[in-house]
Amino acid sequence: MKRIAIVFLLSATLMGCSNTPTGRAVGGGLLGGAAGAGIAGIAGGDPATGALLGAGIGALGGALTAPQPQPRYYGPPGRRRGWH
């Protein structure tokens, strides 16, 4: 149980490090896997099954909720910064 808590805490700290869909899927999978194993273990189920289900749901949720990149605005066309 101590190992599960350590994995959960480490994955929770890595969860906020990425804004790309791939990074969020990996973080969500780690966090979901740890949470699924912990919940299944407490509920008396198989922790491996809980980890697989939690990782799949977490990875899917992380990939689908990644923020979209915002378009950049460079000013009106024909004029560059620093040129007068």
Protein backbone atom coordinates (compact mmCIF):
# COMPACT_ATOMS: atom_id res chain seq x y z
CA MET A 1 0.00 0.00 0.00
CA LYS A 2 2.92 2.31 0.72
CA ARG A 3 4.22 1.80 -2.82
CA ILE A 4 0.83 2.74 -4.27
CA ALA A 5 0.78 5.93 -2.21
CA ILE A 6 4.25 6.89 -3.45
CA VAL A 7 3.31 6.26 -7.09
CA PHE A 8 0.10 8.25 -6.62
CA LEU A 9 1.93 11.24 -5.15
CA LEU A 10 4.64 11.21 -7.80
CA SER A 11 2.16 10.96 -10.63
CA ALA A 12 0.03 13.72 -9.11
CA THR A 13 3.02 16.05 -9.10
CA LEU A 14 3.79 15.26 -12.74
CA MET A 15 0.19 15.71 -13.81
CA GLY A 16 0.36 19.50 -14.07
CA CYS A 17 3.64 19.62 -16.00
CA SER A 18 2.26 19.22 -19.50
CA ASN A 19 -0.31 20.89 -21.67
CA THR A 20 0.05 18.64 -24.70
CA PRO A 21 -2.47 15.85 -25.28
CA THR A 22 0.29 13.22 -25.10
CA GLY A 23 1.70 14.53 -21.84
CA ARG A 24 -1.71 14.82 -20.29
CA ALA A 25 -2.60 11.30 -21.41
CA VAL A 26 0.53 9.90 -19.77
CA GLY A 27 -0.09 11.86 -16.56
CA GLY A 28 -3.75 10.90 -16.53
CA GLY A 29 -2.85 7.26 -17.10
CA LEU A 30 -0.40 7.26 -14.20
CA LEU A 31 -2.78 8.99 -11.85
CA GLY A 32 -5.76 6.88 -12.93
CA GLY A 33 -3.79 3.65 -12.63
CA ALA A 34 -2.65 4.46 -9.10
CA ALA A 35 -6.12 5.56 -8.06
CA GLY A 36 -7.76 2.52 -9.66
CA ALA A 37 -5.38 0.11 -7.94
CA GLY A 38 -5.89 1.83 -4.60
CA ILE A 39 -9.67 1.87 -4.83
CA ALA A 40 -9.82 -1.75 -6.00
CA GLY A 41 -7.52 -2.81 -3.18
CA ILE A 42 -9.62 -1.04 -0.56
CA ALA A 43 -12.87 -2.37 -2.01
CA GLY A 44 -11.58 -5.95 -2.00
CA GLY A 45 -11.21 -6.32 -5.75
CA ASP A 46 -8.20 -7.12 -7.89
CA PRO A 47 -5.75 -4.16 -7.84
CA ALA A 48 -4.36 -5.09 -11.27
CA THR A 49 -7.79 -4.86 -12.87
CA GLY A 50 -8.45 -1.58 -11.08
CA ALA A 51 -5.11 -0.23 -12.27
CA LEU A 52 -5.82 -1.18 -15.89
CA LEU A 53 -9.28 0.36 -15.88
CA GLY A 54 -8.11 3.48 -14.04
CA ALA A 55 -5.13 3.95 -16.36
CA GLY A 56 -7.30 3.64 -19.46
CA ILE A 57 -9.91 6.06 -18.20
CA GLY A 58 -7.26 8.50 -16.92
CA ALA A 59 -5.31 8.45 -20.18
CA LEU A 60 -8.43 9.04 -22.22
CA GLY A 61 -9.57 11.84 -19.95
CA GLY A 62 -6.15 13.49 -19.99
CA ALA A 63 -5.88 13.37 -23.77
CA LEU A 64 -9.37 14.76 -24.32
CA THR A 65 -9.07 17.64 -21.86
CA ALA A 66 -5.75 19.12 -23.02
CA PRO A 67 -6.07 22.85 -23.70
CA GLN A 68 -5.99 23.96 -27.31
CA PRO A 69 -3.16 26.29 -28.37
CA GLN A 70 -4.18 29.92 -28.71
CA PRO A 71 -3.42 31.79 -31.95
CA ARG A 72 -0.71 34.43 -31.65
CA TYR A 73 -1.18 38.02 -32.72
CA TYR A 74 1.85 39.81 -34.11
CA GLY A 75 0.26 43.17 -34.90
CA PRO A 76 -0.95 44.61 -38.18
CA PRO A 77 0.68 43.28 -41.37
CA GLY A 78 3.41 45.35 -43.00
CA ARG A 79 4.92 46.75 -39.85
CA ARG A 80 7.62 45.03 -37.85
CA ARG A 81 8.60 45.84 -34.31
CA GLY A 82 11.82 47.76 -33.94
CA TRP A 83 11.71 49.23 -37.46
CA HIS A 84 10.79 52.87 -37.83
